[in-house]
Amino acid sequence: MAEFIMKDLVEKAHLQGDFHIESAAVSAEELGNPVYPPARRILAEHGLSCSGKRARLLTERDYASFDLIVCMDGSNIGRAKRILNGDPEGKLVLLMNFTDRPGSVSDPWYTGDFSAAWRDIAEGCQALFGKLQNDGAETTRGTPRA
């Protein structure tokens, strides 16, 4: 959900050329599968399409390619560190740590509550996007890149 919420925020700000946003899994359970149906439904309820998205595994190449790797919870960070052989540049971050409620996103995989996950992820993406815009303006005097 975070990939599509973030892409929507960037598109609404007309900054698509300044951001590259992708999601990747830290486990092989869903590799190749489309977005999980309840997640797809809640995205559609909010007017967002995830058509064509298939789960892929995070790779070491991703570490070199992205400025940030945003995780939903501490377990994701731990798994990502194993896949990436560490985090020497401090690129792994928790999404909710950009909000006033740091910590983990409500996990719909275990709770089935995709609405709570949506709220957390939307709040986290909005906060992260705001930070990237502010940081970019302060550091580059131009458009942020992430």
N, C-alpha and C. Protein backbone atom coordinates (compact mmCIF):
# COMPACT_ATOMS: atom_id res chain seq x y z
N MET A 1 0.82 -1.19 0.00
CA MET A 1 0.00 0.00 0.00
C MET A 1 0.86 1.25 0.00
N ALA A 2 1.98 1.20 0.71
CA ALA A 2 2.83 2.39 0.82
C ALA A 2 3.34 2.85 -0.54
N GLU A 3 3.71 1.92 -1.40
CA GLU A 3 4.19 2.30 -2.73
C GLU A 3 3.16 3.16 -3.45
N PHE A 4 1.91 2.75 -3.41
CA PHE A 4 0.88 3.43 -4.19
C PHE A 4 0.40 4.71 -3.52
N ILE A 5 0.40 4.75 -2.21
CA ILE A 5 0.06 5.99 -1.50
C ILE A 5 1.14 7.03 -1.77
N MET A 6 2.39 6.63 -1.69
CA MET A 6 3.49 7.57 -1.91
C MET A 6 3.50 8.06 -3.36
N LYS A 7 3.30 7.16 -4.30
CA LYS A 7 3.24 7.57 -5.70
C LYS A 7 2.12 8.58 -5.93
N ASP A 8 1.00 8.38 -5.26
CA ASP A 8 -0.13 9.31 -5.40
C ASP A 8 0.23 10.69 -4.85
N LEU A 9 0.88 10.73 -3.70
CA LEU A 9 1.30 12.02 -3.13
C LEU A 9 2.26 12.74 -4.07
N VAL A 10 3.21 12.01 -4.61
CA VAL A 10 4.20 12.60 -5.53
C VAL A 10 3.52 13.09 -6.80
N GLU A 11 2.59 12.29 -7.33
CA GLU A 11 1.88 12.68 -8.54
C GLU A 11 1.05 13.95 -8.31
N LYS A 12 0.36 14.01 -7.19
CA LYS A 12 -0.46 15.19 -6.89
C LYS A 12 0.38 16.45 -6.73
N ALA A 13 1.65 16.28 -6.35
CA ALA A 13 2.57 17.42 -6.21
C ALA A 13 3.31 17.69 -7.53
N HIS A 14 3.01 16.89 -8.57
CA HIS A 14 3.64 17.03 -9.89
C HIS A 14 5.16 16.86 -9.81
N LEU A 15 5.60 15.87 -9.03
CA LEU A 15 7.02 15.63 -8.83
C LEU A 15 7.45 14.23 -9.27
N GLN A 16 6.69 13.60 -10.16
CA GLN A 16 6.98 12.22 -10.56
C GLN A 16 8.40 12.06 -11.07
N GLY A 17 8.94 13.02 -11.76
CA GLY A 17 10.28 12.90 -12.31
C GLY A 17 11.38 12.99 -11.27
N ASP A 18 11.03 13.39 -10.07
CA ASP A 18 12.03 13.58 -9.02
C ASP A 18 12.10 12.43 -8.01
N PHE A 19 11.19 11.47 -8.14
CA PHE A 19 11.14 10.36 -7.20
C PHE A 19 11.07 9.05 -7.95
N HIS A 20 11.70 8.03 -7.40
CA HIS A 20 11.57 6.66 -7.89
C HIS A 20 11.11 5.83 -6.70
N ILE A 21 9.91 5.30 -6.79
CA ILE A 21 9.29 4.60 -5.66
C ILE A 21 8.95 3.18 -6.10
N GLU A 22 9.41 2.21 -5.32
CA GLU A 22 9.10 0.80 -5.55
C GLU A 22 8.94 0.13 -4.21
N SER A 23 8.22 -0.96 -4.20
CA SER A 23 8.16 -1.78 -2.99
C SER A 23 8.78 -3.13 -3.28
N ALA A 24 9.30 -3.74 -2.23
CA ALA A 24 9.92 -5.06 -2.35
C ALA A 24 9.71 -5.82 -1.05
N ALA A 25 9.64 -7.13 -1.16
CA ALA A 25 9.39 -7.98 0.00
C ALA A 25 10.70 -8.37 0.68
N VAL A 26 10.58 -8.69 1.96
CA VAL A 26 11.73 -9.21 2.70
C VAL A 26 11.57 -10.70 3.00
N SER A 27 10.52 -11.30 2.43
CA SER A 27 10.36 -12.75 2.52
C SER A 27 9.87 -13.25 1.16
N ALA A 28 10.09 -14.51 0.90
CA ALA A 28 9.76 -15.08 -0.41
C ALA A 28 8.34 -15.61 -0.49
N GLU A 29 7.55 -15.48 0.58
CA GLU A 29 6.22 -16.09 0.64
C GLU A 29 5.30 -15.67 -0.51
N GLU A 30 5.33 -14.42 -0.89
CA GLU A 30 4.39 -13.90 -1.88
C GLU A 30 5.03 -13.57 -3.23
N LEU A 31 6.28 -13.95 -3.44
CA LEU A 31 6.99 -13.58 -4.66
C LEU A 31 6.18 -13.92 -5.91
N GLY A 32 6.09 -12.95 -6.80
CA GLY A 32 5.38 -13.13 -8.05
C GLY A 32 3.88 -12.92 -7.97
N ASN A 33 3.34 -12.86 -6.76
CA ASN A 33 1.90 -12.67 -6.59
C ASN A 33 1.52 -11.21 -6.76
N PRO A 34 0.28 -10.97 -7.19
CA PRO A 34 -0.20 -9.59 -7.23
C PRO A 34 -0.44 -9.08 -5.81
N VAL A 35 -0.77 -7.82 -5.69
CA VAL A 35 -1.07 -7.23 -4.38
C VAL A 35 -2.18 -8.04 -3.73
N TYR A 36 -2.01 -8.31 -2.45
CA TYR A 36 -2.96 -9.10 -1.67
C TYR A 36 -4.37 -8.52 -1.81
N PRO A 37 -5.38 -9.34 -2.09
CA PRO A 37 -6.72 -8.83 -2.40
C PRO A 37 -7.29 -7.79 -1.41
N PRO A 38 -7.21 -7.99 -0.08
CA PRO A 38 -7.76 -6.95 0.80
C PRO A 38 -7.00 -5.61 0.68
N ALA A 39 -5.71 -5.67 0.44
CA ALA A 39 -4.94 -4.44 0.24
C ALA A 39 -5.35 -3.79 -1.08
N ARG A 40 -5.53 -4.60 -2.10
CA ARG A 40 -5.97 -4.09 -3.39
C ARG A 40 -7.33 -3.41 -3.27
N ARG A 41 -8.23 -4.00 -2.48
CA ARG A 41 -9.57 -3.42 -2.30
C ARG A 41 -9.51 -2.07 -1.60
N ILE A 42 -8.71 -1.97 -0.54
CA ILE A 42 -8.66 -0.69 0.18
C ILE A 42 -7.99 0.38 -0.66
N LEU A 43 -6.99 0.01 -1.45
CA LEU A 43 -6.40 0.97 -2.38
C LEU A 43 -7.45 1.46 -3.37
N ALA A 44 -8.23 0.54 -3.91
CA ALA A 44 -9.27 0.91 -4.88
C ALA A 44 -10.32 1.81 -4.23
N GLU A 45 -10.66 1.54 -2.97
CA GLU A 45 -11.62 2.39 -2.25
C GLU A 45 -11.14 3.84 -2.18
N HIS A 46 -9.83 4.01 -2.19
CA HIS A 46 -9.23 5.35 -2.12
C HIS A 46 -8.80 5.86 -3.50
N GLY A 47 -9.27 5.17 -4.53
CA GLY A 47 -9.01 5.61 -5.90
C GLY A 47 -7.62 5.32 -6.42
N LEU A 48 -6.92 4.38 -5.80
CA LEU A 48 -5.55 4.05 -6.21
C LEU A 48 -5.51 2.67 -6.85
N SER A 49 -4.82 2.58 -7.96
CA SER A 49 -4.65 1.32 -8.66
C SER A 49 -3.27 0.74 -8.37
N CYS A 50 -3.25 -0.57 -8.23
CA CYS A 50 -1.97 -1.27 -8.08
C CYS A 50 -1.84 -2.31 -9.18
N SER A 51 -2.54 -2.07 -10.26
CA SER A 51 -2.58 -2.98 -11.40
C SER A 51 -1.17 -3.27 -11.91
N GLY A 52 -0.92 -4.53 -12.15
CA GLY A 52 0.36 -4.95 -12.71
C GLY A 52 1.46 -5.18 -11.70
N LYS A 53 1.26 -4.78 -10.46
CA LYS A 53 2.29 -4.97 -9.43
C LYS A 53 2.37 -6.43 -9.04
N ARG A 54 3.59 -6.95 -9.00
CA ARG A 54 3.87 -8.30 -8.54
C ARG A 54 4.94 -8.21 -7.46
N ALA A 55 4.83 -9.04 -6.45
CA ALA A 55 5.79 -9.03 -5.36
C ALA A 55 7.17 -9.47 -5.86
N ARG A 56 8.18 -8.73 -5.42
CA ARG A 56 9.57 -9.10 -5.73
C ARG A 56 10.37 -8.98 -4.43
N LEU A 57 11.49 -9.65 -4.40
CA LEU A 57 12.34 -9.65 -3.21
C LEU A 57 13.31 -8.48 -3.23
N LEU A 58 13.52 -7.88 -2.09
CA LEU A 58 14.53 -6.85 -1.92
C LEU A 58 15.89 -7.44 -2.29
N THR A 59 16.74 -6.65 -2.95
CA THR A 59 18.06 -7.13 -3.36
C THR A 59 19.15 -6.16 -2.92
N GLU A 60 20.36 -6.63 -2.94
CA GLU A 60 21.50 -5.76 -2.61
C GLU A 60 21.60 -4.59 -3.59
N ARG A 61 21.20 -4.79 -4.83
CA ARG A 61 21.19 -3.69 -5.81
C ARG A 61 20.29 -2.55 -5.36
N ASP A 62 19.20 -2.89 -4.69
CA ASP A 62 18.28 -1.86 -4.20
C ASP A 62 18.99 -0.91 -3.24
N TYR A 63 19.89 -1.44 -2.45
CA TYR A 63 20.59 -0.60 -1.48
C TYR A 63 21.37 0.49 -2.19
N ALA A 64 22.00 0.15 -3.28
CA ALA A 64 22.77 1.15 -4.04
C ALA A 64 21.86 2.09 -4.82
N SER A 65 20.68 1.62 -5.18
CA SER A 65 19.79 2.38 -6.06
C SER A 65 18.89 3.39 -5.35
N PHE A 66 18.64 3.19 -4.06
CA PHE A 66 17.67 4.02 -3.36
C PHE A 66 18.32 4.80 -2.22
N ASP A 67 17.82 6.02 -2.01
CA ASP A 67 18.31 6.87 -0.93
C ASP A 67 17.77 6.41 0.42
N LEU A 68 16.54 5.88 0.42
CA LEU A 68 15.90 5.37 1.63
C LEU A 68 15.25 4.03 1.33
N ILE A 69 15.26 3.17 2.32
CA ILE A 69 14.50 1.92 2.25
C ILE A 69 13.60 1.94 3.47
N VAL A 70 12.32 2.12 3.21
CA VAL A 70 11.34 2.36 4.25
C VAL A 70 10.67 1.04 4.63
N CYS A 71 10.72 0.73 5.91
CA CYS A 71 10.15 -0.53 6.41
C CYS A 71 8.94 -0.25 7.29
N MET A 72 8.08 -1.24 7.40
CA MET A 72 6.84 -1.09 8.16
C MET A 72 7.00 -1.45 9.63
N ASP A 73 7.98 -2.31 9.95
CA ASP A 73 8.19 -2.68 11.35
C ASP A 73 9.62 -3.16 11.57
N GLY A 74 9.95 -3.36 12.81
CA GLY A 74 11.32 -3.77 13.16
C GLY A 74 11.71 -5.11 12.57
N SER A 75 10.76 -6.02 12.46
CA SER A 75 11.06 -7.32 11.85
C SER A 75 11.48 -7.13 10.39
N ASN A 76 10.81 -6.23 9.67
CA ASN A 76 11.18 -5.94 8.28
C ASN A 76 12.59 -5.37 8.22
N ILE A 77 12.94 -4.50 9.16
CA ILE A 77 14.30 -3.94 9.17
C ILE A 77 15.32 -5.04 9.39
N GLY A 78 15.04 -5.93 10.33
CA GLY A 78 15.96 -7.03 10.60
C GLY A 78 16.16 -7.93 9.39
N ARG A 79 15.08 -8.27 8.73
CA ARG A 79 15.17 -9.11 7.52
C ARG A 79 15.88 -8.37 6.40
N ALA A 80 15.58 -7.07 6.25
CA ALA A 80 16.24 -6.28 5.21
C ALA A 80 17.74 -6.22 5.45
N LYS A 81 18.15 -6.05 6.70
CA LYS A 81 19.58 -6.01 7.01
C LYS A 81 20.26 -7.31 6.63
N ARG A 82 19.58 -8.44 6.84
CA ARG A 82 20.16 -9.73 6.46
C ARG A 82 20.30 -9.83 4.94
N ILE A 83 19.27 -9.41 4.21
CA ILE A 83 19.31 -9.46 2.74
C ILE A 83 20.40 -8.54 2.20
N LEU A 84 20.52 -7.36 2.81
CA LEU A 84 21.42 -6.32 2.31
C LEU A 84 22.82 -6.40 2.91
N ASN A 85 23.04 -7.36 3.78
CA ASN A 85 24.33 -7.48 4.49
C ASN A 85 24.63 -6.22 5.30
N GLY A 86 23.62 -5.75 6.04
CA GLY A 86 23.79 -4.60 6.91
C GLY A 86 23.16 -3.35 6.34
N ASP A 87 23.46 -2.25 7.01
CA ASP A 87 22.93 -0.94 6.63
C ASP A 87 23.98 0.12 6.92
N PRO A 88 25.13 0.06 6.24
CA PRO A 88 26.24 0.96 6.57
C PRO A 88 25.94 2.44 6.37
N GLU A 89 25.00 2.77 5.49
CA GLU A 89 24.69 4.17 5.22
C GLU A 89 23.45 4.67 5.94
N GLY A 90 22.85 3.82 6.78
CA GLY A 90 21.67 4.22 7.53
C GLY A 90 20.46 4.52 6.67
N LYS A 91 20.26 3.73 5.62
CA LYS A 91 19.15 3.95 4.70
C LYS A 91 17.85 3.30 5.17
N LEU A 92 17.93 2.33 6.06
CA LEU A 92 16.73 1.63 6.53
C LEU A 92 16.04 2.45 7.61
N VAL A 93 14.77 2.75 7.38
CA VAL A 93 14.01 3.57 8.32
C VAL A 93 12.62 2.97 8.50
N LEU A 94 12.01 3.26 9.66
CA LEU A 94 10.63 2.88 9.91
C LEU A 94 9.72 4.00 9.44
N LEU A 95 8.70 3.66 8.67
CA LEU A 95 7.78 4.66 8.15
C LEU A 95 7.15 5.50 9.25
N MET A 96 6.66 4.86 10.29
CA MET A 96 5.95 5.59 11.34
C MET A 96 6.87 6.50 12.15
N ASN A 97 8.18 6.34 12.04
CA ASN A 97 9.10 7.22 12.77
C ASN A 97 9.10 8.63 12.20
N PHE A 98 8.45 8.85 11.08
CA PHE A 98 8.32 10.20 10.53
C PHE A 98 7.08 10.90 11.07
N THR A 99 6.28 10.18 11.85
CA THR A 99 5.04 10.71 12.42
C THR A 99 5.23 11.02 13.90
N ASP A 100 4.16 11.48 14.52
CA ASP A 100 4.16 11.70 15.97
C ASP A 100 3.92 10.40 16.73
N ARG A 101 3.77 9.30 16.01
CA ARG A 101 3.53 7.98 16.62
C ARG A 101 4.57 6.99 16.11
N PRO A 102 5.83 7.15 16.52
CA PRO A 102 6.88 6.25 16.00
C PRO A 102 6.61 4.79 16.37
N GLY A 103 7.16 3.92 15.56
CA GLY A 103 7.02 2.49 15.81
C GLY A 103 6.58 1.77 14.55
N SER A 104 5.76 0.77 14.73
CA SER A 104 5.35 -0.09 13.63
C SER A 104 4.00 0.29 13.06
N VAL A 105 3.83 0.01 11.78
CA VAL A 105 2.53 0.11 11.13
C VAL A 105 1.68 -1.05 11.65
N SER A 106 0.40 -0.79 11.87
CA SER A 106 -0.52 -1.85 12.24
C SER A 106 -0.47 -2.93 11.16
N ASP A 107 -0.17 -4.17 11.55
CA ASP A 107 0.07 -5.23 10.59
C ASP A 107 -1.21 -5.96 10.21
N PRO A 108 -1.72 -5.72 9.00
CA PRO A 108 -2.98 -6.35 8.61
C PRO A 108 -2.84 -7.84 8.33
N TRP A 109 -1.63 -8.31 8.14
CA TRP A 109 -1.42 -9.73 7.87
C TRP A 109 -1.92 -10.57 9.04
N TYR A 110 -1.71 -10.05 10.26
CA TYR A 110 -2.11 -10.78 11.46
C TYR A 110 -3.47 -10.35 11.99
N THR A 111 -3.80 -9.06 11.84
CA THR A 111 -5.05 -8.54 12.40
C THR A 111 -6.21 -8.60 11.42
N GLY A 112 -5.92 -8.58 10.12
CA GLY A 112 -6.96 -8.51 9.12
C GLY A 112 -7.55 -7.12 8.98
N ASP A 113 -7.04 -6.17 9.75
CA ASP A 113 -7.57 -4.80 9.75
C ASP A 113 -6.79 -3.93 8.75
N PHE A 114 -7.20 -4.00 7.51
CA PHE A 114 -6.52 -3.24 6.47
C PHE A 114 -6.83 -1.75 6.55
N SER A 115 -7.94 -1.39 7.20
CA SER A 115 -8.26 0.03 7.40
C SER A 115 -7.27 0.68 8.36
N ALA A 116 -6.92 -0.01 9.43
CA ALA A 116 -5.93 0.53 10.37
C ALA A 116 -4.58 0.65 9.69
N ALA A 117 -4.22 -0.36 8.90
CA ALA A 117 -2.95 -0.29 8.17
C ALA A 117 -2.97 0.89 7.20
N TRP A 118 -4.07 1.07 6.48
CA TRP A 118 -4.20 2.20 5.56
C TRP A 118 -3.96 3.51 6.30
N ARG A 119 -4.62 3.70 7.43
CA ARG A 119 -4.47 4.96 8.19
C ARG A 119 -3.02 5.19 8.58
N ASP A 120 -2.38 4.17 9.12
CA ASP A 120 -0.98 4.30 9.51
C ASP A 120 -0.09 4.61 8.31
N ILE A 121 -0.25 3.85 7.26
CA ILE A 121 0.61 4.02 6.08
C ILE A 121 0.38 5.37 5.44
N ALA A 122 -0.88 5.80 5.33
CA ALA A 122 -1.17 7.12 4.74
C ALA A 122 -0.54 8.22 5.59
N GLU A 123 -0.68 8.12 6.91
CA GLU A 123 -0.08 9.12 7.80
C GLU A 123 1.44 9.12 7.66
N GLY A 124 2.03 7.94 7.64
CA GLY A 124 3.48 7.84 7.52
C GLY A 124 3.98 8.38 6.19
N CYS A 125 3.30 8.05 5.11
CA CYS A 125 3.72 8.53 3.78
C CYS A 125 3.60 10.05 3.70
N GLN A 126 2.52 10.61 4.24
CA GLN A 126 2.36 12.06 4.22
C GLN A 126 3.48 12.73 5.01
N ALA A 127 3.81 12.17 6.16
CA ALA A 127 4.88 12.75 6.97
C ALA A 127 6.24 12.62 6.28
N LEU A 128 6.51 11.46 5.72
CA LEU A 128 7.77 11.25 5.01
C LEU A 128 7.86 12.17 3.80
N PHE A 129 6.80 12.28 3.03
CA PHE A 129 6.82 13.15 1.86
C PHE A 129 7.06 14.60 2.26
N GLY A 130 6.42 15.04 3.33
CA GLY A 130 6.66 16.39 3.82
C GLY A 130 8.10 16.60 4.21
N LYS A 131 8.69 15.61 4.88
CA LYS A 131 10.10 15.72 5.28
C LYS A 131 11.01 15.76 4.06
N LEU A 132 10.75 14.92 3.08
CA LEU A 132 11.57 14.91 1.88
C LEU A 132 11.48 16.24 1.14
N GLN A 133 10.30 16.81 1.09
CA GLN A 133 10.14 18.11 0.44
C GLN A 133 10.92 19.19 1.19
N ASN A 134 10.80 19.19 2.50
CA ASN A 134 11.52 20.19 3.31
C ASN A 134 13.02 19.99 3.24
N ASP A 135 13.48 18.74 3.39
CA ASP A 135 14.91 18.46 3.32
C ASP A 135 15.48 18.81 1.96
N GLY A 136 14.75 18.48 0.91
CA GLY A 136 15.21 18.78 -0.44
C GLY A 136 15.33 20.26 -0.67
N ALA A 137 14.37 21.02 -0.19
CA ALA A 137 14.41 22.47 -0.37
C ALA A 137 15.56 23.08 0.41
N GLU A 138 15.84 22.52 1.59
CA GLU A 138 16.92 23.06 2.43
C GLU A 138 18.30 22.68 1.91
N THR A 139 18.42 21.46 1.36
CA THR A 139 19.75 20.98 1.01
C THR A 139 20.12 21.20 -0.46
N THR A 140 19.13 21.24 -1.34
CA THR A 140 19.46 21.36 -2.75
C THR A 140 18.96 22.64 -3.38
N ARG A 141 18.15 23.37 -2.64
CA ARG A 141 17.50 24.59 -3.17
C ARG A 141 16.76 24.28 -4.45
N GLY A 142 16.28 23.09 -4.52
CA GLY A 142 15.54 22.66 -5.70
C GLY A 142 14.56 21.59 -5.31
N THR A 143 14.34 20.69 -6.22
CA THR A 143 13.38 19.63 -5.98
C THR A 143 14.06 18.45 -5.31
N PRO A 144 13.41 17.88 -4.28
CA PRO A 144 14.02 16.74 -3.59
C PRO A 144 14.07 15.49 -4.47
N ARG A 145 15.02 14.65 -4.19
CA ARG A 145 15.14 13.37 -4.89
C ARG A 145 15.22 12.27 -3.85
N ALA A 146 14.39 11.26 -4.00
CA ALA A 146 14.43 10.13 -3.07
C ALA A 146 14.08 8.86 -3.81
